[in-house]
């Protein structure tokens, strides 16, 4: 399952390190993995991963790719993004997390 999250329009981008720190506050073992094809946040011991859009280490959007069996991990991820002020995003537009 994919869940899109984004900063509200007009907000300054955040660093990937800020996002990783917020995930760690939710007791997730998050680690930034920079690859030539994109940036990822891996969660140690979990199938859930976060593809995070980045430009020069700054980000405004991400996609949480979660396993159906890890609904608690997804909720922890959403809680971290909510505490950072991010919103969910779907075909109807942004919505509160």
PDB file of N, CA and C in Angstrom:
ATOM      1  N   UNK A   1       0.834  -1.166   0.000  1.00  0.00           N
ATOM      2  CA  UNK A   1       0.000   0.000   0.000  1.00  0.00           C
ATOM      3  C   UNK A   1       0.889   1.242   0.000  1.00  0.00           C
ATOM      4  N   UNK A   2       0.526   2.238  -0.782  1.00  0.00           N
ATOM      5  CA  UNK A   2       1.287   3.481  -0.840  1.00  0.00           C
ATOM      6  C   UNK A   2       0.479   4.617  -0.240  1.00  0.00           C
ATOM      7  N   UNK A   3       1.150   5.416   0.581  1.00  0.00           N
ATOM      8  CA  UNK A   3       0.538   6.600   1.172  1.00  0.00           C
ATOM      9  C   UNK A   3       1.428   7.793   0.851  1.00  0.00           C
ATOM     10  N   UNK A   4       0.857   8.779   0.188  1.00  0.00           N
ATOM     11  CA  UNK A   4       1.597   9.993  -0.175  1.00  0.00           C
ATOM     12  C   UNK A   4       1.485  10.998   0.970  1.00  0.00           C
ATOM     13  N   UNK A   5       2.601  11.636   1.312  1.00  0.00           N
ATOM     14  CA  UNK A   5       2.602  12.706   2.310  1.00  0.00           C
ATOM     15  C   UNK A   5       3.367  13.894   1.746  1.00  0.00           C
ATOM     16  N   UNK A   6       2.966  15.095   2.166  1.00  0.00           N
ATOM     17  CA  UNK A   6       3.570  16.303   1.625  1.00  0.00           C
ATOM     18  C   UNK A   6       3.509  17.425   2.661  1.00  0.00           C
ATOM     19  N   UNK A   7       4.434  18.334   2.549  1.00  0.00           N
ATOM     20  CA  UNK A   7       4.357  19.555   3.348  1.00  0.00           C
ATOM     21  C   UNK A   7       3.260  20.440   2.766  1.00  0.00           C
ATOM     22  N   UNK A   8       2.577  21.210   3.596  1.00  0.00           N
ATOM     23  CA  UNK A   8       1.584  22.140   3.047  1.00  0.00           C
ATOM     24  C   UNK A   8       2.238  23.120   2.072  1.00  0.00           C
ATOM     25  N   UNK A   9       1.465  23.514   1.072  1.00  0.00           N
ATOM     26  CA  UNK A   9       1.964  24.454   0.068  1.00  0.00           C
ATOM     27  C   UNK A   9       2.453  25.733   0.745  1.00  0.00           C
ATOM     28  N   UNK A  10       3.603  26.215   0.307  1.00  0.00           N
ATOM     29  CA  UNK A  10       4.166  27.449   0.844  1.00  0.00           C
ATOM     30  C   UNK A  10       5.099  27.253   2.029  1.00  0.00           C
ATOM     31  N   UNK A  11       5.144  26.039   2.590  1.00  0.00           N
ATOM     32  CA  UNK A  11       6.055  25.765   3.709  1.00  0.00           C
ATOM     33  C   UNK A  11       7.480  25.570   3.192  1.00  0.00           C
ATOM     34  N   UNK A  12       8.446  25.952   4.018  1.00  0.00           N
ATOM     35  CA  UNK A  12       9.837  25.731   3.649  1.00  0.00           C
ATOM     36  C   UNK A  12      10.151  24.240   3.689  1.00  0.00           C
ATOM     37  N   UNK A  13      10.960  23.740   2.755  1.00  0.00           N
ATOM     38  CA  UNK A  13      11.347  22.325   2.767  1.00  0.00           C
ATOM     39  C   UNK A  13      12.055  21.952   4.067  1.00  0.00           C
ATOM     40  N   UNK A  14      11.982  20.689   4.416  1.00  0.00           N
ATOM     41  CA  UNK A  14      12.667  20.156   5.591  1.00  0.00           C
ATOM     42  C   UNK A  14      13.860  19.335   5.134  1.00  0.00           C
ATOM     43  N   UNK A  15      14.789  19.145   6.036  1.00  0.00           N
ATOM     44  CA  UNK A  15      15.897  18.257   5.711  1.00  0.00           C
ATOM     45  C   UNK A  15      15.455  16.808   5.919  1.00  0.00           C
ATOM     46  N   UNK A  16      16.086  15.920   5.201  1.00  0.00           N
ATOM     47  CA  UNK A  16      15.804  14.500   5.392  1.00  0.00           C
ATOM     48  C   UNK A  16      16.181  14.101   6.818  1.00  0.00           C
ATOM     49  N   UNK A  17      17.213  14.711   7.367  1.00  0.00           N
ATOM     50  CA  UNK A  17      17.615  14.409   8.745  1.00  0.00           C
ATOM     51  C   UNK A  17      16.507  14.741   9.738  1.00  0.00           C
ATOM     52  N   UNK A  18      15.756  15.822   9.501  1.00  0.00           N
ATOM     53  CA  UNK A  18      14.620  16.161  10.375  1.00  0.00           C
ATOM     54  C   UNK A  18      13.544  15.082  10.312  1.00  0.00           C
ATOM     55  N   UNK A  19      13.300  14.573   9.113  1.00  0.00           N
ATOM     56  CA  UNK A  19      12.305  13.514   8.945  1.00  0.00           C
ATOM     57  C   UNK A  19      12.767  12.241   9.651  1.00  0.00           C
ATOM     58  N   UNK A  20      14.025  11.869   9.455  1.00  0.00           N
ATOM     59  CA  UNK A  20      14.568  10.676  10.106  1.00  0.00           C
ATOM     60  C   UNK A  20      14.474  10.821  11.630  1.00  0.00           C
ATOM     61  N   UNK A  21      14.807  11.988  12.163  1.00  0.00           N
ATOM     62  CA  UNK A  21      14.736  12.215  13.609  1.00  0.00           C
ATOM     63  C   UNK A  21      13.302  12.059  14.120  1.00  0.00           C
ATOM     64  N   UNK A  22      12.324  12.556  13.364  1.00  0.00           N
ATOM     65  CA  UNK A  22      10.920  12.423  13.770  1.00  0.00           C
ATOM     66  C   UNK A  22      10.491  10.957  13.790  1.00  0.00           C
ATOM     67  N   UNK A  23      10.948  10.183  12.816  1.00  0.00           N
ATOM     68  CA  UNK A  23      10.631   8.755  12.788  1.00  0.00           C
ATOM     69  C   UNK A  23      11.269   8.047  13.973  1.00  0.00           C
ATOM     70  N   UNK A  24      12.491   8.425  14.315  1.00  0.00           N
ATOM     71  CA  UNK A  24      13.162   7.812  15.466  1.00  0.00           C
ATOM     72  C   UNK A  24      12.443   8.142  16.765  1.00  0.00           C
ATOM     73  N   UNK A  25      11.837   9.317  16.858  1.00  0.00           N
ATOM     74  CA  UNK A  25      11.063   9.672  18.050  1.00  0.00           C
ATOM     75  C   UNK A  25       9.848   8.761  18.215  1.00  0.00           C
ATOM     76  N   UNK A  26       9.406   8.146  17.121  1.00  0.00           N
ATOM     77  CA  UNK A  26       8.299   7.188  17.151  1.00  0.00           C
ATOM     78  C   UNK A  26       8.803   5.763  17.390  1.00  0.00           C
ATOM     79  N   UNK A  27      10.061   5.660  17.792  1.00  0.00           N
ATOM     80  CA  UNK A  27      10.709   4.362  18.105  1.00  0.00           C
ATOM     81  C   UNK A  27      10.929   3.487  16.876  1.00  0.00           C
ATOM     82  N   UNK A  28      11.002   4.128  15.684  1.00  0.00           N
ATOM     83  CA  UNK A  28      11.337   3.402  14.460  1.00  0.00           C
ATOM     84  C   UNK A  28      12.835   3.537  14.223  1.00  0.00           C
ATOM     85  N   UNK A  29      13.462   2.478  13.803  1.00  0.00           N
ATOM     86  CA  UNK A  29      14.899   2.491  13.516  1.00  0.00           C
ATOM     87  C   UNK A  29      15.090   2.937  12.066  1.00  0.00           C
ATOM     88  N   UNK A  30      15.018   4.246  11.877  1.00  0.00           N
ATOM     89  CA  UNK A  30      15.047   4.835  10.532  1.00  0.00           C
ATOM     90  C   UNK A  30      16.473   5.187  10.133  1.00  0.00           C
ATOM     91  N   UNK A  31      16.764   4.957   8.847  1.00  0.00           N
ATOM     92  CA  UNK A  31      18.091   5.274   8.314  1.00  0.00           C
ATOM     93  C   UNK A  31      17.942   5.769   6.879  1.00  0.00           C
ATOM     94  N   UNK A  32      18.585   6.905   6.592  1.00  0.00           N
ATOM     95  CA  UNK A  32      18.567   7.473   5.242  1.00  0.00           C
ATOM     96  C   UNK A  32      19.489   6.649   4.349  1.00  0.00           C
ATOM     97  N   UNK A  33      18.997   6.280   3.186  1.00  0.00           N
ATOM     98  CA  UNK A  33      19.759   5.503   2.211  1.00  0.00           C
ATOM     99  C   UNK A  33      19.731   6.271   0.889  1.00  0.00           C
ATOM    100  N   UNK A  34      20.822   6.948   0.569  1.00  0.00           N
ATOM    101  CA  UNK A  34      20.907   7.737  -0.663  1.00  0.00           C
ATOM    102  C   UNK A  34      21.467   6.852  -1.774  1.00  0.00           C
ATOM    103  N   UNK A  35      20.706   6.739  -2.854  1.00  0.00           N
ATOM    104  CA  UNK A  35      21.116   5.960  -4.014  1.00  0.00           C
ATOM    105  C   UNK A  35      21.148   6.869  -5.229  1.00  0.00           C
ATOM    106  N   UNK A  36      21.773   6.431  -6.296  1.00  0.00           N
ATOM    107  CA  UNK A  36      21.852   7.244  -7.511  1.00  0.00           C
ATOM    108  C   UNK A  36      20.467   7.465  -8.123  1.00  0.00           C
ATOM    109  N   UNK A  37      19.522   6.571  -7.866  1.00  0.00           N
ATOM    110  CA  UNK A  37      18.189   6.676  -8.431  1.00  0.00           C
ATOM    111  C   UNK A  37      17.194   7.342  -7.476  1.00  0.00           C
ATOM    112  N   UNK A  38      17.640   7.703  -6.267  1.00  0.00           N
ATOM    113  CA  UNK A  38      16.736   8.386  -5.349  1.00  0.00           C
ATOM    114  C   UNK A  38      17.093   8.170  -3.898  1.00  0.00           C
ATOM    115  N   UNK A  39      16.347   8.823  -3.032  1.00  0.00           N
ATOM    116  CA  UNK A  39      16.560   8.737  -1.596  1.00  0.00           C
ATOM    117  C   UNK A  39      15.475   7.887  -0.958  1.00  0.00           C
ATOM    118  N   UNK A  40      15.888   7.087   0.018  1.00  0.00           N
ATOM    119  CA  UNK A  40      14.979   6.203   0.730  1.00  0.00           C
ATOM    120  C   UNK A  40      15.228   6.348   2.213  1.00  0.00           C
ATOM    121  N   UNK A  41      14.197   6.105   2.995  1.00  0.00           N
ATOM    122  CA  UNK A  41      14.367   5.933   4.428  1.00  0.00           C
ATOM    123  C   UNK A  41      13.953   4.501   4.708  1.00  0.00           C
ATOM    124  N   UNK A  42      14.930   3.717   5.139  1.00  0.00           N
ATOM    125  CA  UNK A  42      14.679   2.321   5.480  1.00  0.00           C
ATOM    126  C   UNK A  42      14.392   2.227   6.970  1.00  0.00           C
ATOM    127  N   UNK A  43      13.501   1.321   7.324  1.00  0.00           N
ATOM    128  CA  UNK A  43      13.142   1.076   8.710  1.00  0.00           C
ATOM    129  C   UNK A  43      13.646  -0.316   9.068  1.00  0.00           C
ATOM    130  N   UNK A  44      14.686  -0.355   9.880  1.00  0.00           N
ATOM    131  CA  UNK A  44      15.342  -1.616  10.215  1.00  0.00           C
ATOM    132  C   UNK A  44      14.342  -2.637  10.742  1.00  0.00           C
ATOM    133  N   UNK A  45      14.397  -3.845  10.161  1.00  0.00           N
ATOM    134  CA  UNK A  45      13.537  -4.937  10.596  1.00  0.00           C
ATOM    135  C   UNK A  45      12.116  -4.860  10.069  1.00  0.00           C
ATOM    136  N   UNK A  46      11.825  -3.903   9.194  1.00  0.00           N
ATOM    137  CA  UNK A  46      10.476  -3.723   8.665  1.00  0.00           C
ATOM    138  C   UNK A  46      10.494  -3.831   7.143  1.00  0.00           C
ATOM    139  N   UNK A  47       9.366  -4.229   6.576  1.00  0.00           N
ATOM    140  CA  UNK A  47       9.216  -4.238   5.123  1.00  0.00           C
ATOM    141  C   UNK A  47       8.863  -2.846   4.610  1.00  0.00           C
ATOM    142  N   UNK A  48       8.255  -2.029   5.459  1.00  0.00           N
ATOM    143  CA  UNK A  48       7.847  -0.676   5.087  1.00  0.00           C
ATOM    144  C   UNK A  48       9.072   0.180   4.797  1.00  0.00           C
ATOM    145  N   UNK A  49       9.028   0.925   3.696  1.00  0.00           N
ATOM    146  CA  UNK A  49      10.096   1.862   3.334  1.00  0.00           C
ATOM    147  C   UNK A  49       9.454   3.186   2.928  1.00  0.00           C
ATOM    148  N   UNK A  50      10.262   4.229   2.945  1.00  0.00           N
ATOM    149  CA  UNK A  50       9.775   5.549   2.556  1.00  0.00           C
ATOM    150  C   UNK A  50      10.643   6.066   1.418  1.00  0.00           C
ATOM    151  N   UNK A  51      10.028   6.279   0.260  1.00  0.00           N
ATOM    152  CA  UNK A  51      10.712   6.922  -0.864  1.00  0.00           C
ATOM    153  C   UNK A  51      10.522   8.416  -0.647  1.00  0.00           C
ATOM    154  N   UNK A  52      11.613   9.146  -0.496  1.00  0.00           N
ATOM    155  CA  UNK A  52      11.516  10.558  -0.149  1.00  0.00           C
ATOM    156  C   UNK A  52      12.137  11.397  -1.251  1.00  0.00           C
ATOM    157  N   UNK A  53      11.350  12.334  -1.784  1.00  0.00           N
ATOM    158  CA  UNK A  53      11.858  13.214  -2.831  1.00  0.00           C
ATOM    159  C   UNK A  53      12.815  14.209  -2.206  1.00  0.00           C
ATOM    160  N   UNK A  54      13.963  14.382  -2.829  1.00  0.00           N
ATOM    161  CA  UNK A  54      14.986  15.237  -2.242  1.00  0.00           C
ATOM    162  C   UNK A  54      15.674  16.077  -3.303  1.00  0.00           C
ATOM    163  N   UNK A  55      15.940  17.308  -2.930  1.00  0.00           N
ATOM    164  CA  UNK A  55      16.758  18.184  -3.752  1.00  0.00           C
ATOM    165  C   UNK A  55      17.747  18.859  -2.802  1.00  0.00           C
ATOM    166  N   UNK A  56      19.019  18.512  -2.960  1.00  0.00           N
ATOM    167  CA  UNK A  56      20.071  19.051  -2.097  1.00  0.00           C
ATOM    168  C   UNK A  56      19.811  18.771  -0.623  1.00  0.00           C
ATOM    169  N   UNK A  57      19.267  17.580  -0.313  1.00  0.00           N
ATOM    170  CA  UNK A  57      19.029  17.184   1.067  1.00  0.00           C
ATOM    171  C   UNK A  57      17.750  17.734   1.672  1.00  0.00           C
ATOM    172  N   UNK A  58      16.965  18.488   0.882  1.00  0.00           N
ATOM    173  CA  UNK A  58      15.707  19.056   1.363  1.00  0.00           C
ATOM    174  C   UNK A  58      14.536  18.321   0.729  1.00  0.00           C
ATOM    175  N   UNK A  59      13.439  18.255   1.450  1.00  0.00           N
ATOM    176  CA  UNK A  59      12.301  17.487   0.967  1.00  0.00           C
ATOM    177  C   UNK A  59      10.970  18.160   1.295  1.00  0.00           C
ATOM    178  N   UNK A  60       9.987  17.894   0.437  1.00  0.00           N
ATOM    179  CA  UNK A  60       8.618  18.361   0.671  1.00  0.00           C
ATOM    180  C   UNK A  60       7.588  17.252   0.440  1.00  0.00           C
ATOM    181  N   UNK A  61       8.020  16.091  -0.101  1.00  0.00           N
ATOM    182  CA  UNK A  61       7.095  14.990  -0.385  1.00  0.00           C
ATOM    183  C   UNK A  61       7.771  13.643  -0.162  1.00  0.00           C
ATOM    184  N   UNK A  62       6.909  12.679   0.149  1.00  0.00           N
ATOM    185  CA  UNK A  62       7.401  11.315   0.336  1.00  0.00           C
ATOM    186  C   UNK A  62       6.266  10.337   0.055  1.00  0.00           C
ATOM    187  N   UNK A  63       6.648   9.099  -0.223  1.00  0.00           N
ATOM    188  CA  UNK A  63       5.694   8.010  -0.395  1.00  0.00           C
ATOM    189  C   UNK A  63       6.058   6.912   0.579  1.00  0.00           C
ATOM    190  N   UNK A  64       5.127   6.588   1.460  1.00  0.00           N
ATOM    191  CA  UNK A  64       5.331   5.489   2.401  1.00  0.00           C
ATOM    192  C   UNK A  64       4.805   4.234   1.728  1.00  0.00           C
ATOM    193  N   UNK A  65       5.687   3.279   1.509  1.00  0.00           N
ATOM    194  CA  UNK A  65       5.312   2.010   0.882  1.00  0.00           C
ATOM    195  C   UNK A  65       5.260   0.967   1.988  1.00  0.00           C
ATOM    196  N   UNK A  66       4.035   0.651   2.424  1.00  0.00           N
ATOM    197  CA  UNK A  66       3.881  -0.209   3.593  1.00  0.00           C
ATOM    198  C   UNK A  66       3.286  -1.563   3.239  1.00  0.00           C
ATOM    199  N   UNK A  67       3.655  -2.523   4.044  1.00  0.00           N
ATOM    200  CA  UNK A  67       3.117  -3.870   3.928  1.00  0.00           C
ATOM    201  C   UNK A  67       1.773  -3.907   4.667  1.00  0.00           C
ATOM    202  N   UNK A  68       0.823  -4.674   4.152  1.00  0.00           N
ATOM    203  CA  UNK A  68      -0.482  -4.788   4.812  1.00  0.00           C
ATOM    204  C   UNK A  68      -0.349  -5.326   6.230  1.00  0.00           C
ATOM    205  N   UNK A  69       0.678  -6.127   6.481  1.00  0.00           N
ATOM    206  CA  UNK A  69       0.860  -6.715   7.808  1.00  0.00           C
ATOM    207  C   UNK A  69       1.528  -5.755   8.789  1.00  0.00           C
ATOM    208  N   UNK A  70       1.910  -4.557   8.326  1.00  0.00           N
ATOM    209  CA  UNK A  70       2.601  -3.603   9.188  1.00  0.00           C
ATOM    210  C   UNK A  70       1.792  -2.324   9.398  1.00  0.00           C
ATOM    211  N   UNK A  71       0.499  -2.490   9.702  1.00  0.00           N
ATOM    212  CA  UNK A  71      -0.354  -1.307   9.880  1.00  0.00           C
ATOM    213  C   UNK A  71       0.114  -0.448  11.050  1.00  0.00           C
ATOM    214  N   UNK A  72       0.669  -1.048  12.089  1.00  0.00           N
ATOM    215  CA  UNK A  72       1.171  -0.272  13.231  1.00  0.00           C
ATOM    216  C   UNK A  72       2.386   0.572  12.821  1.00  0.00           C
ATOM    217  N   UNK A  73       3.242   0.019  11.979  1.00  0.00           N
ATOM    218  CA  UNK A  73       4.406   0.763  11.483  1.00  0.00           C
ATOM    219  C   UNK A  73       3.933   1.944  10.648  1.00  0.00           C
ATOM    220  N   UNK A  74       2.940   1.717   9.793  1.00  0.00           N
ATOM    221  CA  UNK A  74       2.379   2.804   8.986  1.00  0.00           C
ATOM    222  C   UNK A  74       1.834   3.905   9.894  1.00  0.00           C
ATOM    223  N   UNK A  75       1.111   3.529  10.924  1.00  0.00           N
ATOM    224  CA  UNK A  75       0.556   4.535  11.840  1.00  0.00           C
ATOM    225  C   UNK A  75       1.661   5.322  12.542  1.00  0.00           C
ATOM    226  N   UNK A  76       2.745   4.653  12.917  1.00  0.00           N
ATOM    227  CA  UNK A  76       3.881   5.352  13.526  1.00  0.00           C
ATOM    228  C   UNK A  76       4.512   6.330  12.534  1.00  0.00           C
ATOM    229  N   UNK A  77       4.634   5.919  11.276  1.00  0.00           N
ATOM    230  CA  UNK A  77       5.176   6.810  10.242  1.00  0.00           C
ATOM    231  C   UNK A  77       4.270   8.024  10.061  1.00  0.00           C
ATOM    232  N   UNK A  78       2.965   7.790   9.954  1.00  0.00           N
ATOM    233  CA  UNK A  78       2.016   8.889   9.776  1.00  0.00           C
ATOM    234  C   UNK A  78       2.042   9.832  10.975  1.00  0.00           C
ATOM    235  N   UNK A  79       2.187   9.285  12.158  1.00  0.00           N
ATOM    236  CA  UNK A  79       2.279  10.111  13.366  1.00  0.00           C
ATOM    237  C   UNK A  79       3.504  11.010  13.312  1.00  0.00           C
ATOM    238  N   UNK A  80       4.631  10.469  12.856  1.00  0.00           N
ATOM    239  CA  UNK A  80       5.857  11.263  12.742  1.00  0.00           C
ATOM    240  C   UNK A  80       5.665  12.406  11.756  1.00  0.00           C
ATOM    241  N   UNK A  81       5.099  12.121  10.596  1.00  0.00           N
ATOM    242  CA  UNK A  81       4.872  13.163   9.598  1.00  0.00           C
ATOM    243  C   UNK A  81       3.841  14.182  10.092  1.00  0.00           C
ATOM    244  N   UNK A  82       2.808  13.724  10.794  1.00  0.00           N
ATOM    245  CA  UNK A  82       1.797  14.640  11.339  1.00  0.00           C
ATOM    246  C   UNK A  82       2.442  15.621  12.321  1.00  0.00           C
ATOM    247  N   UNK A  83       3.310  15.116  13.185  1.00  0.00           N
ATOM    248  CA  UNK A  83       3.985  15.972  14.165  1.00  0.00           C
ATOM    249  C   UNK A  83       4.903  16.992  13.492  1.00  0.00           C
ATOM    250  N   UNK A  84       5.371  16.679  12.284  1.00  0.00           N
ATOM    251  CA  UNK A  84       6.193  17.628  11.520  1.00  0.00           C
ATOM    252  C   UNK A  84       5.330  18.642  10.759  1.00  0.00           C
ATOM    253  N   UNK A  85       4.011  18.448  10.773  1.00  0.00           N
ATOM    254  CA  UNK A  85       3.118  19.372  10.080  1.00  0.00           C
ATOM    255  C   UNK A  85       2.793  18.984   8.651  1.00  0.00           C
ATOM    256  N   UNK A  86       3.120  17.751   8.264  1.00  0.00           N
ATOM    257  CA  UNK A  86       2.854  17.294   6.912  1.00  0.00           C
ATOM    258  C   UNK A  86       1.384  16.901   6.765  1.00  0.00           C
ATOM    259  N   UNK A  87       0.948  16.739   5.526  1.00  0.00           N
ATOM    260  CA  UNK A  87      -0.411  16.336   5.178  1.00  0.00           C
ATOM    261  C   UNK A  87      -0.371  15.069   4.323  1.00  0.00           C
ATOM    262  N   UNK A  88      -1.464  14.340   4.316  1.00  0.00           N
ATOM    263  CA  UNK A  88      -1.626  13.265   3.354  1.00  0.00           C
ATOM    264  C   UNK A  88      -2.000  13.878   2.013  1.00  0.00           C
ATOM    265  N   UNK A  89      -1.826  13.121   0.946  1.00  0.00           N
ATOM    266  CA  UNK A  89      -2.150  13.624  -0.400  1.00  0.00           C
ATOM    267  C   UNK A  89      -2.771  12.473  -1.187  1.00  0.00           C
ATOM    268  N   UNK A  90      -3.953  12.717  -1.753  1.00  0.00           N
ATOM    269  CA  UNK A  90      -4.553  11.727  -2.648  1.00  0.00           C
ATOM    270  C   UNK A  90      -5.137  12.438  -3.864  1.00  0.00           C
ATOM    271  N   UNK A  91      -5.927  11.728  -4.674  1.00  0.00           N
ATOM    272  CA  UNK A  91      -6.456  12.296  -5.904  1.00  0.00           C
ATOM    273  C   UNK A  91      -7.367  13.489  -5.650  1.00  0.00           C
ATOM    274  N   UNK A  92      -7.904  13.605  -4.444  1.00  0.00           N
ATOM    275  CA  UNK A  92      -8.781  14.724  -4.101  1.00  0.00           C
ATOM    276  C   UNK A  92      -8.021  15.916  -3.500  1.00  0.00           C
ATOM    277  N   UNK A  93      -6.719  15.754  -3.314  1.00  0.00           N
ATOM    278  CA  UNK A  93      -5.904  16.830  -2.747  1.00  0.00           C
ATOM    279  C   UNK A  93      -5.394  16.498  -1.354  1.00  0.00           C
ATOM    280  N   UNK A  94      -4.879  17.490  -0.654  1.00  0.00           N
ATOM    281  CA  UNK A  94      -4.307  17.247   0.677  1.00  0.00           C
ATOM    282  C   UNK A  94      -5.387  17.012   1.744  1.00  0.00           C
ATOM    283  N   UNK A  95      -5.016  16.250   2.768  1.00  0.00           N
ATOM    284  CA  UNK A  95      -5.907  15.985   3.894  1.00  0.00           C
ATOM    285  C   UNK A  95      -5.068  15.840   5.170  1.00  0.00           C
ATOM    286  N   UNK A  96      -5.641  16.150   6.334  1.00  0.00           N
ATOM    287  CA  UNK A  96      -4.893  16.022   7.590  1.00  0.00           C
ATOM    288  C   UNK A  96      -4.548  14.570   7.880  1.00  0.00           C
ATOM    289  N   UNK A  97      -3.377  14.340   8.414  1.00  0.00           N
ATOM    290  CA  UNK A  97      -2.981  12.973   8.782  1.00  0.00           C
ATOM    291  C   UNK A  97      -3.561  12.588  10.146  1.00  0.00           C
TER     292      UNK A  97
END
